[in-house]
């Protein structure tokens, strides 16, 4: 006996569409979950809104920062996801690490360099860093030139240079510092400033002393913690991630409605640079 029952074509089409929509929604759910897991445990993305970390980081840089080096707590989780107050799998940043952390008052993400660990004594004398009573080596190197753009203005204490046929740049005096242990990085120094003498301050347990590389244009641990300003000695629980690499950088000339400007505004030479 032959079964001549057939499924109407319209019913089959409707079923296939439902399966297609179901597959698409499940893909979206998996994608969202993957992104959340990545941002919670692997890394996240941050932008640089100021020039406090020149010369290493510029306004308009987009960073990838690693979550795992310092452990996890409520501050390292994305989108306000609740988590433990104390860090799990915690470790102390090395001197010289560039860290992302929450401002102790307003909770804004800040990026600074770790200078002092718990137990360290930090001071500055005439613009020279003093760590545990020892002067940190600081030597003059070639000046740092940064191209001017909507994202980069020339500080009044910099030198604006406009050579024929080239984009104007701002020139700053640049120095190389070497911390105990051999970590080397470059800093900008405008000359005599009120920030040039500080301390000494002993870093308590559970705290860190951080500074910007643009020494005379950075509100950091040399200043009391106030909203939008200094950060004081930061609590290790406020750590979010370790800055790792510049993923993207723009000079600020791009316009959303003009897609070709997204490429002309890109600072291609900065992309992929480690921090």
C-alpha atoms as a PDB file:
ATOM      1  CA  UNK A   1       0.000   0.000   0.000  1.00  0.00           C
ATOM      2  CA  UNK A   2       1.463   3.326  -1.030  1.00  0.00           C
ATOM      3  CA  UNK A   3       1.416   6.434   1.217  1.00  0.00           C
ATOM      4  CA  UNK A   4       0.613   9.387  -0.988  1.00  0.00           C
ATOM      5  CA  UNK A   5       0.644  11.880   1.893  1.00  0.00           C
ATOM      6  CA  UNK A   6       2.696  14.989   1.011  1.00  0.00           C
ATOM      7  CA  UNK A   7       3.662  18.051   3.048  1.00  0.00           C
ATOM      8  CA  UNK A   8       2.427  21.299   1.505  1.00  0.00           C
ATOM      9  CA  UNK A   9       5.220  23.415   0.055  1.00  0.00           C
ATOM     10  CA  UNK A  10       4.153  26.465   2.099  1.00  0.00           C
ATOM     11  CA  UNK A  11       4.440  24.438   5.315  1.00  0.00           C
ATOM     12  CA  UNK A  12       7.935  23.245   4.373  1.00  0.00           C
ATOM     13  CA  UNK A  13       9.060  26.779   3.568  1.00  0.00           C
ATOM     14  CA  UNK A  14       7.705  28.029   6.892  1.00  0.00           C
ATOM     15  CA  UNK A  15       9.490  25.245   8.790  1.00  0.00           C
ATOM     16  CA  UNK A  16      12.787  25.943   7.016  1.00  0.00           C
ATOM     17  CA  UNK A  17      12.484  29.637   7.807  1.00  0.00           C
ATOM     18  CA  UNK A  18      11.821  28.898  11.457  1.00  0.00           C
ATOM     19  CA  UNK A  19      14.855  26.605  11.578  1.00  0.00           C
ATOM     20  CA  UNK A  20      16.965  29.268   9.867  1.00  0.00           C
ATOM     21  CA  UNK A  21      15.869  31.941  12.344  1.00  0.00           C
ATOM     22  CA  UNK A  22      16.444  29.547  15.223  1.00  0.00           C
ATOM     23  CA  UNK A  23      19.976  28.783  13.990  1.00  0.00           C
ATOM     24  CA  UNK A  24      20.709  32.478  13.552  1.00  0.00           C
ATOM     25  CA  UNK A  25      19.470  33.363  17.052  1.00  0.00           C
ATOM     26  CA  UNK A  26      21.492  30.529  18.567  1.00  0.00           C
ATOM     27  CA  UNK A  27      24.575  31.785  16.693  1.00  0.00           C
ATOM     28  CA  UNK A  28      23.961  35.278  18.134  1.00  0.00           C
ATOM     29  CA  UNK A  29      23.653  33.856  21.649  1.00  0.00           C
ATOM     30  CA  UNK A  30      26.919  31.946  21.269  1.00  0.00           C
ATOM     31  CA  UNK A  31      28.621  35.047  19.868  1.00  0.00           C
ATOM     32  CA  UNK A  32      27.472  37.190  22.805  1.00  0.00           C
ATOM     33  CA  UNK A  33      28.609  34.546  25.278  1.00  0.00           C
ATOM     34  CA  UNK A  34      32.013  34.285  23.569  1.00  0.00           C
ATOM     35  CA  UNK A  35      32.473  38.063  23.698  1.00  0.00           C
ATOM     36  CA  UNK A  36      31.494  38.177  27.375  1.00  0.00           C
ATOM     37  CA  UNK A  37      33.902  35.369  28.236  1.00  0.00           C
ATOM     38  CA  UNK A  38      36.693  37.099  26.301  1.00  0.00           C
ATOM     39  CA  UNK A  39      36.079  40.459  27.964  1.00  0.00           C
ATOM     40  CA  UNK A  40      35.739  38.927  31.407  1.00  0.00           C
ATOM     41  CA  UNK A  41      38.741  36.613  31.433  1.00  0.00           C
ATOM     42  CA  UNK A  42      41.046  37.307  28.485  1.00  0.00           C
ATOM     43  CA  UNK A  43      41.165  40.949  27.454  1.00  0.00           C
ATOM     44  CA  UNK A  44      39.275  44.137  26.813  1.00  0.00           C
ATOM     45  CA  UNK A  45      39.581  47.317  24.800  1.00  0.00           C
ATOM     46  CA  UNK A  46      40.327  50.809  26.081  1.00  0.00           C
ATOM     47  CA  UNK A  47      40.873  54.221  24.520  1.00  0.00           C
ATOM     48  CA  UNK A  48      43.434  56.850  25.444  1.00  0.00           C
ATOM     49  CA  UNK A  49      41.642  60.186  26.053  1.00  0.00           C
ATOM     50  CA  UNK A  50      44.583  62.350  27.139  1.00  0.00           C
ATOM     51  CA  UNK A  51      48.303  62.951  26.669  1.00  0.00           C
ATOM     52  CA  UNK A  52      49.378  61.933  30.177  1.00  0.00           C
ATOM     53  CA  UNK A  53      51.162  58.824  28.821  1.00  0.00           C
ATOM     54  CA  UNK A  54      53.109  60.472  26.017  1.00  0.00           C
ATOM     55  CA  UNK A  55      55.404  59.480  24.405  1.00  0.00           C
ATOM     56  CA  UNK A  56      54.340  55.815  24.626  1.00  0.00           C
ATOM     57  CA  UNK A  57      50.588  56.342  24.249  1.00  0.00           C
ATOM     58  CA  UNK A  58      48.805  59.055  22.285  1.00  0.00           C
ATOM     59  CA  UNK A  59      45.274  60.425  22.386  1.00  0.00           C
ATOM     60  CA  UNK A  60      43.244  58.346  19.949  1.00  0.00           C
ATOM     61  CA  UNK A  61      45.059  55.057  20.631  1.00  0.00           C
ATOM     62  CA  UNK A  62      42.846  52.001  21.146  1.00  0.00           C
ATOM     63  CA  UNK A  63      44.432  49.377  23.397  1.00  0.00           C
ATOM     64  CA  UNK A  64      44.023  45.706  24.012  1.00  0.00           C
ATOM     65  CA  UNK A  65      44.607  45.033  27.713  1.00  0.00           C
ATOM     66  CA  UNK A  66      45.117  41.577  29.224  1.00  0.00           C
ATOM     67  CA  UNK A  67      42.844  40.615  32.132  1.00  0.00           C
ATOM     68  CA  UNK A  68      44.646  37.544  33.506  1.00  0.00           C
ATOM     69  CA  UNK A  69      48.028  38.950  34.719  1.00  0.00           C
ATOM     70  CA  UNK A  70      46.687  40.494  37.947  1.00  0.00           C
ATOM     71  CA  UNK A  71      43.704  38.275  38.693  1.00  0.00           C
ATOM     72  CA  UNK A  72      39.980  38.946  38.615  1.00  0.00           C
ATOM     73  CA  UNK A  73      37.415  40.781  40.702  1.00  0.00           C
ATOM     74  CA  UNK A  74      34.380  43.025  40.247  1.00  0.00           C
ATOM     75  CA  UNK A  75      36.489  45.761  38.627  1.00  0.00           C
ATOM     76  CA  UNK A  76      37.836  43.499  35.898  1.00  0.00           C
ATOM     77  CA  UNK A  77      34.429  42.154  34.861  1.00  0.00           C
ATOM     78  CA  UNK A  78      32.592  43.933  31.999  1.00  0.00           C
ATOM     79  CA  UNK A  79      29.169  45.602  31.937  1.00  0.00           C
ATOM     80  CA  UNK A  80      28.841  45.829  35.704  1.00  0.00           C
ATOM     81  CA  UNK A  81      28.671  42.056  36.089  1.00  0.00           C
ATOM     82  CA  UNK A  82      28.896  41.348  39.831  1.00  0.00           C
ATOM     83  CA  UNK A  83      32.010  39.633  41.118  1.00  0.00           C
ATOM     84  CA  UNK A  84      34.201  39.216  44.194  1.00  0.00           C
ATOM     85  CA  UNK A  85      35.567  42.351  45.862  1.00  0.00           C
ATOM     86  CA  UNK A  86      38.931  40.690  46.496  1.00  0.00           C
ATOM     87  CA  UNK A  87      40.932  39.580  43.496  1.00  0.00           C
ATOM     88  CA  UNK A  88      41.062  35.886  42.591  1.00  0.00           C
ATOM     89  CA  UNK A  89      44.410  34.536  41.292  1.00  0.00           C
ATOM     90  CA  UNK A  90      45.890  37.887  42.307  1.00  0.00           C
ATOM     91  CA  UNK A  91      49.444  38.993  41.564  1.00  0.00           C
ATOM     92  CA  UNK A  92      51.269  42.294  42.011  1.00  0.00           C
ATOM     93  CA  UNK A  93      52.172  44.273  38.867  1.00  0.00           C
ATOM     94  CA  UNK A  94      55.861  44.597  38.116  1.00  0.00           C
ATOM     95  CA  UNK A  95      57.470  48.014  38.334  1.00  0.00           C
ATOM     96  CA  UNK A  96      57.191  49.547  34.882  1.00  0.00           C
ATOM     97  CA  UNK A  97      53.956  47.786  33.904  1.00  0.00           C
ATOM     98  CA  UNK A  98      51.357  50.028  32.254  1.00  0.00           C
ATOM     99  CA  UNK A  99      48.088  49.270  34.017  1.00  0.00           C
ATOM    100  CA  UNK A 100      44.411  50.053  33.532  1.00  0.00           C
ATOM    101  CA  UNK A 101      42.584  50.721  36.804  1.00  0.00           C
ATOM    102  CA  UNK A 102      39.443  52.314  38.198  1.00  0.00           C
ATOM    103  CA  UNK A 103      39.773  55.816  39.625  1.00  0.00           C
ATOM    104  CA  UNK A 104      39.281  55.467  43.397  1.00  0.00           C
ATOM    105  CA  UNK A 105      36.594  58.187  43.514  1.00  0.00           C
ATOM    106  CA  UNK A 106      34.665  58.333  40.245  1.00  0.00           C
ATOM    107  CA  UNK A 107      35.385  54.837  38.872  1.00  0.00           C
ATOM    108  CA  UNK A 108      36.703  56.106  35.519  1.00  0.00           C
ATOM    109  CA  UNK A 109      39.250  53.923  33.703  1.00  0.00           C
ATOM    110  CA  UNK A 110      42.771  55.379  34.002  1.00  0.00           C
ATOM    111  CA  UNK A 111      46.041  54.237  32.417  1.00  0.00           C
ATOM    112  CA  UNK A 112      49.356  54.842  34.209  1.00  0.00           C
ATOM    113  CA  UNK A 113      52.738  53.203  34.776  1.00  0.00           C
ATOM    114  CA  UNK A 114      53.487  51.360  38.025  1.00  0.00           C
ATOM    115  CA  UNK A 115      56.460  52.944  39.783  1.00  0.00           C
ATOM    116  CA  UNK A 116      56.174  51.785  43.393  1.00  0.00           C
ATOM    117  CA  UNK A 117      55.115  48.428  44.833  1.00  0.00           C
ATOM    118  CA  UNK A 118      54.076  47.792  48.461  1.00  0.00           C
ATOM    119  CA  UNK A 119      56.963  48.634  50.780  1.00  0.00           C
ATOM    120  CA  UNK A 120      58.719  50.934  48.272  1.00  0.00           C
ATOM    121  CA  UNK A 121      59.622  54.498  49.185  1.00  0.00           C
ATOM    122  CA  UNK A 122      58.939  56.898  46.310  1.00  0.00           C
ATOM    123  CA  UNK A 123      60.120  60.496  45.967  1.00  0.00           C
ATOM    124  CA  UNK A 124      61.055  63.040  43.300  1.00  0.00           C
ATOM    125  CA  UNK A 125      63.873  65.546  43.584  1.00  0.00           C
ATOM    126  CA  UNK A 126      64.186  68.272  40.942  1.00  0.00           C
ATOM    127  CA  UNK A 127      62.377  66.137  38.392  1.00  0.00           C
ATOM    128  CA  UNK A 128      64.400  62.988  39.075  1.00  0.00           C
ATOM    129  CA  UNK A 129      62.680  59.881  40.420  1.00  0.00           C
ATOM    130  CA  UNK A 130      64.060  58.465  43.663  1.00  0.00           C
ATOM    131  CA  UNK A 131      63.088  54.893  44.558  1.00  0.00           C
ATOM    132  CA  UNK A 132      64.021  53.381  47.919  1.00  0.00           C
ATOM    133  CA  UNK A 133      66.614  56.098  48.422  1.00  0.00           C
ATOM    134  CA  UNK A 134      68.310  55.430  45.082  1.00  0.00           C
ATOM    135  CA  UNK A 135      68.178  57.827  42.139  1.00  0.00           C
ATOM    136  CA  UNK A 136      66.549  56.208  39.106  1.00  0.00           C
ATOM    137  CA  UNK A 137      68.869  56.675  36.093  1.00  0.00           C
ATOM    138  CA  UNK A 138      67.518  59.293  33.709  1.00  0.00           C
ATOM    139  CA  UNK A 139      69.341  60.318  30.541  1.00  0.00           C
ATOM    140  CA  UNK A 140      68.508  62.758  27.790  1.00  0.00           C
ATOM    141  CA  UNK A 141      67.744  61.201  24.391  1.00  0.00           C
ATOM    142  CA  UNK A 142      66.490  62.545  21.068  1.00  0.00           C
ATOM    143  CA  UNK A 143      63.504  64.874  21.255  1.00  0.00           C
ATOM    144  CA  UNK A 144      60.053  63.405  20.768  1.00  0.00           C
ATOM    145  CA  UNK A 145      58.053  64.821  17.830  1.00  0.00           C
ATOM    146  CA  UNK A 146      54.325  64.197  17.623  1.00  0.00           C
ATOM    147  CA  UNK A 147      52.250  65.233  14.610  1.00  0.00           C
ATOM    148  CA  UNK A 148      49.571  67.797  15.423  1.00  0.00           C
ATOM    149  CA  UNK A 149      45.964  66.848  14.702  1.00  0.00           C
ATOM    150  CA  UNK A 150      42.475  67.191  16.225  1.00  0.00           C
ATOM    151  CA  UNK A 151      43.547  64.464  18.689  1.00  0.00           C
ATOM    152  CA  UNK A 152      46.946  66.001  19.449  1.00  0.00           C
ATOM    153  CA  UNK A 153      47.543  69.584  20.488  1.00  0.00           C
ATOM    154  CA  UNK A 154      50.863  71.174  21.388  1.00  0.00           C
ATOM    155  CA  UNK A 155      51.275  71.876  25.098  1.00  0.00           C
ATOM    156  CA  UNK A 156      52.309  75.498  25.799  1.00  0.00           C
ATOM    157  CA  UNK A 157      55.650  74.179  27.051  1.00  0.00           C
ATOM    158  CA  UNK A 158      56.279  72.179  23.890  1.00  0.00           C
ATOM    159  CA  UNK A 159      57.816  73.596  20.710  1.00  0.00           C
ATOM    160  CA  UNK A 160      55.568  73.758  17.651  1.00  0.00           C
ATOM    161  CA  UNK A 161      57.516  73.247  14.438  1.00  0.00           C
ATOM    162  CA  UNK A 162      56.086  73.911  10.971  1.00  0.00           C
ATOM    163  CA  UNK A 163      58.551  72.884   8.292  1.00  0.00           C
ATOM    164  CA  UNK A 164      57.714  73.524   4.629  1.00  0.00           C
ATOM    165  CA  UNK A 165      55.923  70.636   2.968  1.00  0.00           C
ATOM    166  CA  UNK A 166      55.454  68.593   6.137  1.00  0.00           C
ATOM    167  CA  UNK A 167      52.726  68.336   8.740  1.00  0.00           C
ATOM    168  CA  UNK A 168      53.300  70.509  11.827  1.00  0.00           C
ATOM    169  CA  UNK A 169      54.673  68.700  14.865  1.00  0.00           C
ATOM    170  CA  UNK A 170      55.094  69.424  18.548  1.00  0.00           C
ATOM    171  CA  UNK A 171      58.589  68.757  19.928  1.00  0.00           C
ATOM    172  CA  UNK A 172      59.187  67.725  23.533  1.00  0.00           C
ATOM    173  CA  UNK A 173      62.324  67.051  25.553  1.00  0.00           C
ATOM    174  CA  UNK A 174      62.559  63.293  26.031  1.00  0.00           C
ATOM    175  CA  UNK A 175      64.417  61.191  28.586  1.00  0.00           C
ATOM    176  CA  UNK A 176      65.028  57.509  29.214  1.00  0.00           C
ATOM    177  CA  UNK A 177      64.421  56.089  32.687  1.00  0.00           C
ATOM    178  CA  UNK A 178      65.610  52.693  33.915  1.00  0.00           C
ATOM    179  CA  UNK A 179      63.925  51.168  36.954  1.00  0.00           C
ATOM    180  CA  UNK A 180      65.546  48.616  39.277  1.00  0.00           C
ATOM    181  CA  UNK A 181      65.353  45.305  37.457  1.00  0.00           C
ATOM    182  CA  UNK A 182      66.168  46.894  34.109  1.00  0.00           C
ATOM    183  CA  UNK A 183      62.741  48.051  32.855  1.00  0.00           C
ATOM    184  CA  UNK A 184      63.400  50.980  30.486  1.00  0.00           C
ATOM    185  CA  UNK A 185      60.909  53.461  29.044  1.00  0.00           C
ATOM    186  CA  UNK A 186      60.824  57.059  27.831  1.00  0.00           C
ATOM    187  CA  UNK A 187      59.338  60.072  29.603  1.00  0.00           C
ATOM    188  CA  UNK A 188      58.647  63.688  28.705  1.00  0.00           C
ATOM    189  CA  UNK A 189      59.874  66.486  30.956  1.00  0.00           C
ATOM    190  CA  UNK A 190      58.900  70.137  30.448  1.00  0.00           C
ATOM    191  CA  UNK A 191      61.553  71.401  32.855  1.00  0.00           C
ATOM    192  CA  UNK A 192      61.021  72.967  36.259  1.00  0.00           C
ATOM    193  CA  UNK A 193      57.482  72.306  37.549  1.00  0.00           C
ATOM    194  CA  UNK A 194      55.687  72.089  40.874  1.00  0.00           C
ATOM    195  CA  UNK A 195      55.490  68.294  40.409  1.00  0.00           C
ATOM    196  CA  UNK A 196      59.288  67.992  40.314  1.00  0.00           C
ATOM    197  CA  UNK A 197      59.610  67.619  44.079  1.00  0.00           C
ATOM    198  CA  UNK A 198      57.488  65.110  45.948  1.00  0.00           C
ATOM    199  CA  UNK A 199      57.603  62.795  48.958  1.00  0.00           C
ATOM    200  CA  UNK A 200      59.083  60.594  50.188  1.00  0.00           C
ATOM    201  CA  UNK A 201      56.022  58.344  50.486  1.00  0.00           C
ATOM    202  CA  UNK A 202      56.025  54.707  51.601  1.00  0.00           C
ATOM    203  CA  UNK A 203      53.629  52.536  49.597  1.00  0.00           C
ATOM    204  CA  UNK A 204      51.415  50.551  52.030  1.00  0.00           C
ATOM    205  CA  UNK A 205      50.413  46.909  51.619  1.00  0.00           C
ATOM    206  CA  UNK A 206      47.731  46.469  48.973  1.00  0.00           C
ATOM    207  CA  UNK A 207      48.555  49.779  47.266  1.00  0.00           C
ATOM    208  CA  UNK A 208      50.521  50.926  44.214  1.00  0.00           C
ATOM    209  CA  UNK A 209      52.219  54.188  43.257  1.00  0.00           C
ATOM    210  CA  UNK A 210      51.572  55.070  39.595  1.00  0.00           C
ATOM    211  CA  UNK A 211      52.754  57.898  37.352  1.00  0.00           C
ATOM    212  CA  UNK A 212      52.190  59.143  33.815  1.00  0.00           C
ATOM    213  CA  UNK A 213      55.124  59.150  31.400  1.00  0.00           C
ATOM    214  CA  UNK A 214      54.297  62.758  30.513  1.00  0.00           C
ATOM    215  CA  UNK A 215      55.602  63.770  33.914  1.00  0.00           C
ATOM    216  CA  UNK A 216      54.511  67.423  33.972  1.00  0.00           C
ATOM    217  CA  UNK A 217      51.112  66.750  32.385  1.00  0.00           C
ATOM    218  CA  UNK A 218      49.759  63.841  34.424  1.00  0.00           C
ATOM    219  CA  UNK A 219      47.447  63.695  37.424  1.00  0.00           C
ATOM    220  CA  UNK A 220      48.694  60.568  39.174  1.00  0.00           C
ATOM    221  CA  UNK A 221      49.772  59.259  42.584  1.00  0.00           C
ATOM    222  CA  UNK A 222      51.590  62.505  43.342  1.00  0.00           C
ATOM    223  CA  UNK A 223      48.177  64.154  43.721  1.00  0.00           C
ATOM    224  CA  UNK A 224      45.289  63.399  46.096  1.00  0.00           C
ATOM    225  CA  UNK A 225      42.427  61.363  44.654  1.00  0.00           C
ATOM    226  CA  UNK A 226      39.705  63.720  43.389  1.00  0.00           C
ATOM    227  CA  UNK A 227      37.119  63.173  40.637  1.00  0.00           C
ATOM    228  CA  UNK A 228      38.659  63.809  37.237  1.00  0.00           C
ATOM    229  CA  UNK A 229      42.075  64.514  38.793  1.00  0.00           C
ATOM    230  CA  UNK A 230      44.758  62.843  40.866  1.00  0.00           C
ATOM    231  CA  UNK A 231      44.471  59.208  41.889  1.00  0.00           C
ATOM    232  CA  UNK A 232      46.535  59.020  45.073  1.00  0.00           C
ATOM    233  CA  UNK A 233      47.931  55.609  46.006  1.00  0.00           C
ATOM    234  CA  UNK A 234      45.727  53.177  44.128  1.00  0.00           C
ATOM    235  CA  UNK A 235      44.275  50.047  45.695  1.00  0.00           C
ATOM    236  CA  UNK A 236      45.301  46.820  43.973  1.00  0.00           C
ATOM    237  CA  UNK A 237      41.633  45.836  44.001  1.00  0.00           C
ATOM    238  CA  UNK A 238      41.001  48.659  41.504  1.00  0.00           C
ATOM    239  CA  UNK A 239      43.195  47.001  38.856  1.00  0.00           C
ATOM    240  CA  UNK A 240      41.409  46.097  35.630  1.00  0.00           C
ATOM    241  CA  UNK A 241      44.079  44.855  33.226  1.00  0.00           C
ATOM    242  CA  UNK A 242      47.618  45.223  31.912  1.00  0.00           C
ATOM    243  CA  UNK A 243      47.950  47.335  28.760  1.00  0.00           C
ATOM    244  CA  UNK A 244      49.418  45.081  26.078  1.00  0.00           C
ATOM    245  CA  UNK A 245      49.267  46.397  22.516  1.00  0.00           C
ATOM    246  CA  UNK A 246      47.941  49.293  20.431  1.00  0.00           C
ATOM    247  CA  UNK A 247      45.229  47.767  18.260  1.00  0.00           C
ATOM    248  CA  UNK A 248      44.120  50.917  16.409  1.00  0.00           C
ATOM    249  CA  UNK A 249      45.017  54.586  16.402  1.00  0.00           C
ATOM    250  CA  UNK A 250      43.380  57.614  14.822  1.00  0.00           C
ATOM    251  CA  UNK A 251      44.371  61.268  14.573  1.00  0.00           C
ATOM    252  CA  UNK A 252      40.764  62.439  14.996  1.00  0.00           C
ATOM    253  CA  UNK A 253      40.086  63.631  11.439  1.00  0.00           C
ATOM    254  CA  UNK A 254      37.705  60.787  10.520  1.00  0.00           C
ATOM    255  CA  UNK A 255      34.009  61.435   9.918  1.00  0.00           C
ATOM    256  CA  UNK A 256      31.441  58.660  10.323  1.00  0.00           C
ATOM    257  CA  UNK A 257      29.551  59.620   7.148  1.00  0.00           C
ATOM    258  CA  UNK A 258      32.742  59.612   5.049  1.00  0.00           C
ATOM    259  CA  UNK A 259      34.096  56.038   5.207  1.00  0.00           C
ATOM    260  CA  UNK A 260      37.298  56.809   3.298  1.00  0.00           C
ATOM    261  CA  UNK A 261      38.358  59.147   6.098  1.00  0.00           C
ATOM    262  CA  UNK A 262      38.430  56.190   8.494  1.00  0.00           C
ATOM    263  CA  UNK A 263      41.550  55.058   6.642  1.00  0.00           C
ATOM    264  CA  UNK A 264      43.157  58.425   5.993  1.00  0.00           C
ATOM    265  CA  UNK A 265      42.857  59.258   9.718  1.00  0.00           C
ATOM    266  CA  UNK A 266      44.491  56.016  10.842  1.00  0.00           C
ATOM    267  CA  UNK A 267      47.984  56.118  12.333  1.00  0.00           C
ATOM    268  CA  UNK A 268      49.110  52.916  10.675  1.00  0.00           C
ATOM    269  CA  UNK A 269      52.626  53.075  12.102  1.00  0.00           C
ATOM    270  CA  UNK A 270      51.283  52.779  15.668  1.00  0.00           C
ATOM    271  CA  UNK A 271      49.137  49.693  15.189  1.00  0.00           C
ATOM    272  CA  UNK A 272      50.468  46.489  16.667  1.00  0.00           C
ATOM    273  CA  UNK A 273      52.985  48.215  18.908  1.00  0.00           C
ATOM    274  CA  UNK A 274      53.544  46.566  22.262  1.00  0.00           C
ATOM    275  CA  UNK A 275      53.298  48.623  25.435  1.00  0.00           C
END
